[in-house]
C-alpha cells in the first residue's frame, strides 16, 4: 500500500483517523458529511502515532465498524516521526516516468531514510522561476517507513476493511479547514508587506498526536508532528505549545519563498481548552482562533451527538477520497 497524497477515488471512502486516544470515521458525499462516528481506543494500541498492538487494533476496528454500520472502504491518515516531508524544485519535465526518476534521485539526498525501506509519493504543487528566468517545478515529497505503514494496513485489513489510500493527517487537516482565497479577509494596509491571499496560516491540531501544518491556501508547505499530550501540561500548556508553534514558523520561514504567517487556527479536542487561543495569541503575537472543526461542511444531523472536534482529520481524509 503506497501513500496517495490527495489522489481522488470517485467512488468515495470513509476517512479513518486513528488518533491514538480514539478512532474517528467520516463519510462525506457531495460536500456534506453523510455519517460520522468515534470510539475510544484502548490504551497502548497506538502510541506516538504508530500501531503498537496490531491484534487489538483489529478487534477495536471490527467492533467499531459493526456497531456503526460503516462502509468498509477506508482512507487512512498517518502522522508520526517515521514520516519525512520535503519540498524539492526540479526543472520542467514533461514525461511522468522521467519526473518520477528525477524526484527519487533528489529525494535520496534530501531524505535521511533508506528509500528501499520506505514508501514514497510526491505531488507537484506549483511552479517557480529561478534567477535565470527558467521555469521550475515545485514538488512535495513524502517518505514513510514501510514497516510502519504495513502495521496500519495489516490491522485494518484483518478487520475486514479495504484501505484504498493513505494520506498525511496534516494534508487532511488543511483540506478540511483551508478557506478559499475568495473568503479570506483583506489584510490591513501594509500588514506583513503582502496582500491577505498571500499570507500563510498555521494549523495546529491537538489530538493524540499534535499536528502542526503551515499552508498557503490549500497547499500544505510544512508539517511537523508532535507526540506531546497537552492534557498533562496543566497551566503550562499555552507556553509549551507557543514555543512549538514559534519553532515551526521559524523552520517554515527558512524555506525559499516562504510567505509571512498571518494567523493560527486551532483544531482537535485539545483546542477547546479554556482560554488557550487567547493565551497563545498573546505569546506568539499573531491572531489565534479555534477553527470550525468541520470547515463549514454541511452536517445535516450526521454527527448525532458526536464531538465535532474529533472529526476534523477524518473529514479531511474523506474529502480527499470523494471530491
Foldseek 3Di string as FASTA:
>chain_A
DFADALAAAQVFAWQWEPQQQKIKIFADDPLFTPAIDMDGQDHPCAAQQFGRDLVSLLVVVLVVCVVRVGAQEYEYATDHPQKDKDKDKAADDDDPVVVVVVVVVVCVVVPPDPQVQWHKDKDFDDWDADPVRGIITIMMMMIGGPVRVVSVVSSSVSSVGHYPHYYYLQLLLLLQAFDALVPFDWDDVCVQPDTRLQAKEWEWEQTCKIKTFIDRRSRTQDIDIHRDNLVPCPPCSLVVVLVVNVVRQVVQVPDPPRHHHAEYEYFAPVVVPPPSQVSSCVVNVHRYYHTPLRNPGHHPCNCVPPDSSHCNSSNSSRVSHND
